[in-house]
Structures are given as C-alpha cells and as structure tokens.
Protein backbone atom coordinates (compact mmCIF):
# COMPACT_ATOMS: atom_id res chain seq x y z
CA MET A 1 147.50 74.39 134.02
CA LYS A 2 150.65 74.03 131.96
CA LEU A 3 151.47 77.01 129.79
CA PRO A 4 150.94 75.28 126.41
CA HIS A 5 147.58 73.98 127.61
CA ARG A 6 146.65 77.43 128.90
CA ARG A 7 147.50 79.00 125.54
CA GLN A 8 145.42 76.38 123.75
CA PHE A 9 142.51 77.04 126.10
CA LEU A 10 142.66 80.79 125.56
CA HIS A 11 142.89 80.29 121.80
CA LEU A 12 139.80 78.06 121.84
CA ALA A 13 137.94 80.49 124.08
CA ALA A 14 138.72 83.39 121.76
CA GLY A 15 137.56 81.35 118.80
CA ALA A 16 134.30 80.48 120.54
CA ALA A 17 133.67 84.13 121.40
CA ALA A 18 134.14 85.05 117.75
CA LEU A 19 131.59 82.48 116.56
CA PRO A 20 128.50 84.68 117.12
CA ALA A 21 130.05 87.49 115.07
CA VAL A 22 131.05 85.06 112.32
CA SER A 23 127.58 83.52 112.29
CA ARG A 24 125.97 86.96 112.08
CA VAL A 25 128.11 87.89 109.09
CA ALA A 26 127.38 84.54 107.44
CA ARG A 27 123.66 85.01 108.07
CA ALA A 28 123.76 88.45 106.50
CA GLN A 29 125.68 87.15 103.51
CA ALA A 30 123.06 84.43 102.96
CA TYR A 31 120.11 86.80 103.55
CA PRO A 32 117.47 86.53 102.26
CA THR A 33 116.78 82.81 102.04
CA ARG A 34 112.99 83.17 101.80
CA PRO A 35 110.47 85.85 100.74
CA VAL A 36 110.49 89.18 102.60
CA ARG A 37 107.37 91.20 103.48
CA ILE A 38 107.26 94.98 103.16
CA VAL A 39 104.21 96.14 105.10
CA VAL A 40 102.55 99.31 103.76
CA GLY A 41 100.13 101.21 105.98
CA PHE A 42 98.08 102.65 103.13
CA PRO A 43 95.89 101.21 100.35
CA ALA A 44 97.26 99.90 97.07
CA GLY A 45 97.69 102.47 94.32
CA GLY A 46 98.73 105.44 96.45
CA ALA A 47 102.13 107.12 96.37
CA THR A 48 103.41 105.17 99.40
CA ASP A 49 102.34 101.85 97.87
CA ILE A 50 103.78 102.68 94.43
CA THR A 51 107.15 103.65 95.91
CA ALA A 52 107.24 100.50 98.03
CA ARG A 53 106.49 98.30 95.00
CA LEU A 54 109.17 100.05 92.97
CA MET A 55 111.81 99.27 95.58
CA ALA A 56 110.42 95.77 96.24
CA GLN A 57 110.86 94.87 92.58
CA TRP A 58 114.44 96.16 92.64
CA LEU A 59 115.34 94.26 95.81
CA SER A 60 113.72 91.08 94.46
CA GLU A 61 115.87 91.25 91.34
CA ARG A 62 119.05 92.09 93.23
CA LEU A 63 118.76 89.64 96.12
CA GLY A 64 117.11 86.65 94.44
CA GLN A 65 114.09 86.40 96.75
CA GLN A 66 110.65 87.94 96.42
CA PHE A 67 110.01 91.15 98.39
CA VAL A 68 106.23 91.05 98.73
CA ILE A 69 104.03 94.07 99.50
CA GLU A 70 101.42 93.61 102.21
CA ASN A 71 98.93 96.47 102.47
CA ARG A 72 97.57 96.99 106.00
CA PRO A 73 95.83 100.38 105.90
CA GLY A 74 94.29 102.07 108.90
CA ALA A 75 94.90 104.81 111.48
CA ALA A 76 97.24 106.70 109.12
CA GLY A 77 99.75 103.88 109.06
CA THR A 78 99.84 103.00 112.76
CA ILE A 79 98.23 99.56 112.28
CA ALA A 80 101.01 98.55 109.90
CA ALA A 81 103.69 100.03 112.15
CA GLU A 82 102.41 98.12 115.19
CA ALA A 83 102.41 94.85 113.21
CA VAL A 84 106.05 95.34 112.23
CA VAL A 85 107.09 96.38 115.75
CA LYS A 86 105.74 93.02 116.97
CA ALA A 87 107.36 91.01 114.16
CA ALA A 88 110.53 88.95 114.57
CA PRO A 89 113.63 91.14 114.09
CA ASP A 90 115.12 88.86 111.43
CA GLY A 91 114.95 91.02 108.30
CA TYR A 92 111.94 89.21 106.84
CA THR A 93 109.36 91.80 107.89
CA LEU A 94 109.99 95.42 106.87
CA LEU A 95 107.91 98.60 107.02
CA GLN A 96 107.45 101.27 104.39
CA ILE A 97 107.67 104.41 106.52
CA GLY A 98 107.07 108.08 105.83
CA THR A 99 106.16 111.47 107.24
CA PRO A 100 102.79 110.26 108.68
CA ASN A 101 104.71 107.94 111.01
CA ALA A 102 106.69 110.88 112.38
CA ILE A 103 103.46 112.85 112.87
CA ASN A 104 101.61 109.91 114.46
CA ALA A 105 104.25 109.60 117.17
CA THR A 106 102.65 112.66 118.80
CA LEU A 107 99.19 112.72 117.20
CA TYR A 108 98.14 109.38 118.68
CA ALA A 109 98.53 109.61 122.44
CA ASN A 110 97.97 105.94 123.28
CA LEU A 111 100.22 104.09 120.86
CA SER A 112 101.49 100.76 122.15
CA PHE A 113 104.97 101.46 120.79
CA ASN A 114 107.55 104.23 120.49
CA PHE A 115 108.23 104.70 116.78
CA VAL A 116 111.75 106.11 117.10
CA ARG A 117 112.77 103.43 119.59
CA ASP A 118 111.00 100.42 118.10
CA ILE A 119 111.56 100.84 114.35
CA ALA A 120 115.14 100.66 113.11
CA PRO A 121 115.87 102.89 110.10
CA VAL A 122 117.06 100.91 107.07
CA GLY A 123 117.21 103.44 104.25
CA SER A 124 115.53 106.53 102.88
CA ILE A 125 114.14 106.42 99.34
CA THR A 126 112.43 109.61 98.26
CA ARG A 127 111.51 113.15 99.30
CA VAL A 128 108.35 114.92 98.15
CA ALA A 129 107.90 118.69 98.18
CA TYR A 130 104.74 120.57 99.03
CA VAL A 131 103.55 123.61 97.11
CA VAL A 132 101.52 126.50 98.51
CA VAL A 133 98.76 126.76 95.91
CA VAL A 134 95.81 129.14 95.91
CA HIS A 135 92.63 129.52 93.90
CA PRO A 136 92.99 132.20 91.18
CA SER A 137 90.40 134.35 92.99
CA VAL A 138 92.90 134.94 95.80
CA PRO A 139 94.55 138.31 95.01
CA ALA A 140 97.96 137.39 96.42
CA LYS A 141 100.70 136.38 93.99
CA THR A 142 103.56 136.05 96.49
CA ILE A 143 104.01 134.77 100.03
CA PRO A 144 104.39 138.28 101.51
CA GLU A 145 101.19 139.34 99.72
CA PHE A 146 99.40 136.21 100.95
CA ILE A 147 100.50 136.81 104.55
CA ALA A 148 99.29 140.41 104.32
CA TYR A 149 95.99 139.23 102.81
CA ALA A 150 95.53 136.62 105.56
CA LYS A 151 96.26 139.14 108.30
CA ALA A 152 93.73 141.52 106.75
CA ASN A 153 91.13 138.72 106.66
CA PRO A 154 91.61 136.71 109.88
CA GLY A 155 89.51 133.56 110.03
CA ARG A 156 88.14 134.09 106.50
CA ILE A 157 90.62 132.03 104.49
CA ASN A 158 89.90 128.30 104.30
CA MET A 159 92.96 126.05 104.27
CA ALA A 160 92.12 122.56 103.00
CA SER A 161 93.98 119.34 103.78
CA ALA A 162 93.64 115.59 103.32
CA GLY A 163 92.49 115.28 106.95
CA ASN A 164 93.37 116.10 110.55
CA GLY A 165 97.00 115.38 111.28
CA THR A 166 97.94 114.63 107.68
CA PRO A 167 101.20 116.03 106.31
CA GLN A 168 99.29 118.71 104.37
CA HIS A 169 97.65 119.80 107.62
CA VAL A 170 100.78 120.05 109.76
CA VAL A 171 102.78 121.71 106.97
CA GLY A 172 100.04 124.36 106.78
CA GLU A 173 99.92 124.73 110.56
CA LEU A 174 103.70 125.27 110.61
CA PHE A 175 103.17 128.13 108.16
CA LYS A 176 100.37 129.61 110.29
CA MET A 177 102.56 129.36 113.39
CA MET A 178 105.58 131.01 111.81
CA ALA A 179 103.68 133.65 109.81
CA GLY A 180 101.29 134.52 112.65
CA VAL A 181 98.16 134.18 110.52
CA ASP A 182 94.70 132.85 111.30
CA MET A 183 93.27 130.51 108.66
CA VAL A 184 90.43 128.01 109.08
CA HIS A 185 91.48 124.40 108.61
CA VAL A 186 89.04 122.38 106.48
CA PRO A 187 89.85 118.64 106.61
CA TYR A 188 88.81 116.30 103.81
CA ARG A 189 88.95 112.55 103.42
CA GLY A 190 91.98 112.57 101.16
CA GLY A 191 93.89 114.97 98.97
CA ALA A 192 91.78 114.47 95.84
CA PRO A 193 88.50 115.88 97.21
CA ALA A 194 90.39 118.74 98.86
CA THR A 195 92.00 119.65 95.53
CA THR A 196 88.61 119.40 93.78
CA ASP A 197 87.14 121.96 96.16
CA LEU A 198 90.16 124.24 95.75
CA LEU A 199 89.65 124.14 91.98
CA GLY A 200 86.00 125.02 92.57
CA GLY A 201 86.83 127.92 94.88
CA GLN A 202 85.17 126.45 97.99
CA VAL A 203 88.53 126.71 99.77
CA GLN A 204 91.32 129.18 99.08
CA VAL A 205 94.64 127.45 99.79
CA ILE A 206 96.27 124.04 100.13
CA PHE A 207 99.80 123.07 101.09
CA SER A 208 99.68 120.44 98.40
CA PRO A 209 102.02 117.50 97.70
CA LEU A 210 103.61 118.30 94.34
CA PRO A 211 102.16 115.23 92.55
CA GLU A 212 98.59 116.30 93.44
CA SER A 213 98.90 119.83 92.10
CA ILE A 214 101.58 119.97 89.40
CA GLU A 215 99.24 119.35 86.45
CA HIS A 216 96.74 121.94 87.69
CA ILE A 217 99.61 124.41 88.06
CA ARG A 218 100.80 123.72 84.53
CA ALA A 219 97.24 124.16 83.24
CA GLY A 220 96.95 127.53 85.00
CA LYS A 221 94.03 126.36 87.16
CA LEU A 222 95.91 126.89 90.43
CA ARG A 223 98.45 129.56 91.33
CA PRO A 224 101.66 128.45 93.08
CA LEU A 225 103.07 130.92 95.59
CA ALA A 226 106.06 128.96 96.91
CA VAL A 227 107.49 125.52 97.55
CA THR A 228 108.08 124.29 101.08
CA THR A 229 111.54 122.78 100.57
CA ALA A 230 114.80 124.49 101.50
CA THR A 231 115.71 124.99 97.84
CA ARG A 232 113.79 125.55 94.62
CA LEU A 233 112.57 122.61 92.56
CA GLU A 234 113.77 121.72 89.09
CA VAL A 235 110.18 121.22 87.92
CA LEU A 236 109.16 124.69 89.18
CA PRO A 237 112.39 126.68 88.81
CA ASP A 238 110.69 130.09 88.90
CA ILE A 239 108.79 129.45 92.12
CA PRO A 240 110.57 130.64 95.30
CA THR A 241 110.67 128.82 98.62
CA VAL A 242 108.58 129.76 101.63
CA GLY A 243 111.87 130.09 103.50
CA ASP A 244 112.87 132.96 101.22
CA PHE A 245 110.25 135.01 103.09
CA LEU A 246 109.92 133.09 106.37
CA PRO A 247 113.52 132.27 107.37
CA GLY A 248 113.81 128.78 108.84
CA TYR A 249 110.63 127.44 107.29
CA GLU A 250 111.18 124.04 105.63
CA ALA A 251 108.90 121.07 105.17
CA SER A 252 108.95 118.05 102.94
CA GLY A 253 107.56 114.56 102.91
CA TRP A 254 109.80 111.51 102.79
CA GLN A 255 109.60 107.77 102.44
CA GLY A 256 111.92 104.94 103.30
CA ILE A 257 112.13 101.47 104.79
CA GLY A 258 112.35 100.47 108.44
CA ALA A 259 112.63 97.19 110.35
CA PRO A 260 111.82 95.93 113.85
CA ARG A 261 114.23 97.02 116.57
CA ASN A 262 117.13 94.60 117.07
CA THR A 263 117.18 93.51 113.43
CA PRO A 264 120.84 92.52 112.84
CA ALA A 265 122.97 95.46 111.73
CA GLU A 266 124.54 93.34 109.01
CA ILE A 267 121.13 92.77 107.40
CA ILE A 268 120.20 96.45 107.69
CA ASP A 269 123.50 97.45 106.11
CA LYS A 270 123.00 94.97 103.27
CA LEU A 271 119.52 96.31 102.53
CA ASN A 272 120.73 99.91 102.77
CA LYS A 273 123.50 99.21 100.28
CA GLU A 274 121.10 97.64 97.76
CA ILE A 275 118.59 100.49 98.18
CA GLY A 276 121.40 102.95 97.49
CA VAL A 277 122.39 101.10 94.32
CA GLY A 278 118.76 101.16 93.22
CA LEU A 279 118.42 104.88 93.79
CA ALA A 280 121.43 105.43 91.52
CA ASP A 281 119.69 103.55 88.70
CA PRO A 282 118.40 105.97 86.00
CA LYS A 283 115.13 104.07 85.54
CA ILE A 284 114.26 104.22 89.24
CA ASN A 285 115.33 107.87 89.32
CA ALA A 286 112.99 108.65 86.44
CA ARG A 287 110.07 106.79 88.03
CA ILE A 288 110.52 108.63 91.32
CA ALA A 289 110.58 111.92 89.40
CA GLU A 290 107.34 110.93 87.65
CA LEU A 291 105.77 110.47 91.08
CA GLY A 292 106.80 114.03 91.98
CA GLY A 293 109.69 113.06 94.22
CA THR A 294 113.44 113.34 94.34
CA VAL A 295 115.88 110.63 95.37
CA LEU A 296 116.81 110.71 99.05
CA ALA A 297 119.68 108.29 99.64
CA GLY A 298 121.81 107.94 102.77
CA SER A 299 123.00 105.68 105.56
CA PRO A 300 120.70 104.16 108.20
CA ALA A 301 122.09 106.75 110.66
CA ASP A 302 121.25 109.60 108.27
CA PHE A 303 117.72 108.29 107.88
CA GLY A 304 117.34 107.78 111.62
CA LYS A 305 118.29 111.40 112.28
CA ARG A 306 115.77 112.61 109.70
CA VAL A 307 113.03 110.55 111.33
CA SER A 308 113.81 111.69 114.90
CA ASP A 309 114.19 115.33 113.81
CA ASP A 310 110.77 115.21 112.12
CA VAL A 311 109.14 113.58 115.15
CA GLU A 312 110.42 116.46 117.28
CA LYS A 313 109.50 119.10 114.70
CA TRP A 314 105.92 117.97 114.16
CA ALA A 315 105.37 117.40 117.88
CA LYS A 316 105.87 121.14 118.42
CA VAL A 317 103.39 122.01 115.66
CA ILE A 318 100.78 119.50 116.82
CA LYS A 319 100.93 120.80 120.38
CA PHE A 320 100.92 124.46 119.29
CA ALA A 321 97.92 123.97 116.99
CA HIS A 322 96.12 121.55 119.36
CA ILE A 323 95.71 119.04 116.55
CA LYS A 324 93.71 115.94 117.47
CA SER A 325 93.34 112.66 115.59
CA ASP A 326 89.96 111.89 114.03
C-alpha cells in the first residue's frame, strides 16, 4: 500500500472507530425523545411516591418529555426493582430507589438479581432522619438513661416498627446490637398503626422516620431522646444524636433514582445533572423539607458508594438479629 493511501486508510479507520462514541454523545444530547417511566415499588401517596413525583415533574419540565410514575408495589420494593433490572438499558425505564432496596439485598435470600450489580446509580435526592421516640410513661429522658432502663428491664420493652425488615426495624436492631440491650420487636403493617399504639402506650419505643413523629413531638405526645443521623437536625436543634452516646452509631433513610445496568453513562450523567439542578431549586428544597427530609445531592459514584455501603451495613445487622422476611 502506498504511503498516502495508507494514511487515508488509517484516517478513515480512526474516524469509524470514533463513530460509536459520537453516536452515544448525540443520543444523550437528544435524550429523551419519548416519555420516561419511573417505577416506584410502593403505593401512591407515600413518601417514596411523593418524592418520585416531585422529581418527575421537574425532569418533565426541564427535558421536554413526560416522566411518568408507575407504581408497582409488593415485597418491599423488590417487584419494582426486578421489573427495572429486566428493562432495556436505554434510559426510558428508571427506578425510584431507597433504603428498603439496600435492606432487601440481604433480607430476601432468593432474589433473581443482585441490586448493587444490576441497578446503576443515577442520583440521590433526599435523606430522612429517624428519631428515637418513647411514650411519656417511659422514665428515661436521655439515651444513657434509656439504655440503663432497658438493661434493668430485659425483654420488657416493646420496640414497634412498620414490619419485619423495614428501615425502622433494622435501625432499631442496630441500636440494640451496639447498646447491648434486649427489647422485644413488635412488627406492624405500616408506620401509622405502630405510631398509634405508641401514642396509646401499648409499645414503648419506635425508631421513627421524622415525618411520622414530628407533629406528635411538637404536641408533647411523644418524647424524643435522640436523632439517628451523624449531626443534629435543624428542626430539632436541642435533640442530641444517638452517636453522641454510642460512638459510631449512624442511620438515615435515603431516596434516589437508579437505572438498569449498562444504561449509557452519557444518559446517566445528563439525568444526574438535571436532578442536581432541581435539588438546588428553593421550591423543591422547601417541599423536601416539608416531607421531613434534607437534600442529598451528589454524583452517580457518590450515590453508588452510599448504596453499597448501606447494603453491607444492613447485611451485618440482619444476620446478627436473624431478621427474616414476612
């Protein structure tokens, strides 16, 4: 081959090799060209659904296509997760993910997918704190007093939750594990009936999501002992953290968006950027605060680390406490 022809051949070959990358970028720039589904593994009207709809509305306005919520409740979110794992990795099927997904990775032994491997993190949205709240009849007013009270009454304190393997349950079991106390877990079918029985004194303590307990705390019907986050909360500035008394204790719920594995990185990055812009919007900030959360922005890699860290963390608690799914 003559040199000029060889150079022309190499130039054409290099251009052909670059075509897939160019087409991927062009595809991401055009995305989305049709409606996008965000699958939610819980019923309409709950905190997960409300947060998903808030972000779907923002993305619809920003990207010029409808982001439609599809509720597929069941098995604590695993039915929805499995549907998205099996979906085409093209950016048109997304999953609203949260703490239950990290718990389910260990809680359900026979899942047909590996959550960390098969769901690509797109972007985190919000973090929700839990509050250790007790019925006023409980004499303890601080975490050290409560631990002492629990150790003096082993097996006599009832710890309510929204059900076996729910975030409230594992957050409470983490406390039991680290504090070395024996409390009886009482599972309910949801947080509302559990809170009702706490108000009535049938149970003594709940590791409650802030939105479910804040009004009862303000009304003086429940006594907060501590929050489970690493730092104090603006809405409860006088309430210490559990970690102030149990070093290393930290627990919080989170929500975000994921996609099927192998979804193009350019599409994930585009969605992450728009989610970040939305989380900086004062109106969205205010709505998340109303729901009892705080904004949790970050890169896909940041979100992925949070997810994998929580899977590992809750796996230890589930195995230690021998938690089984219903």
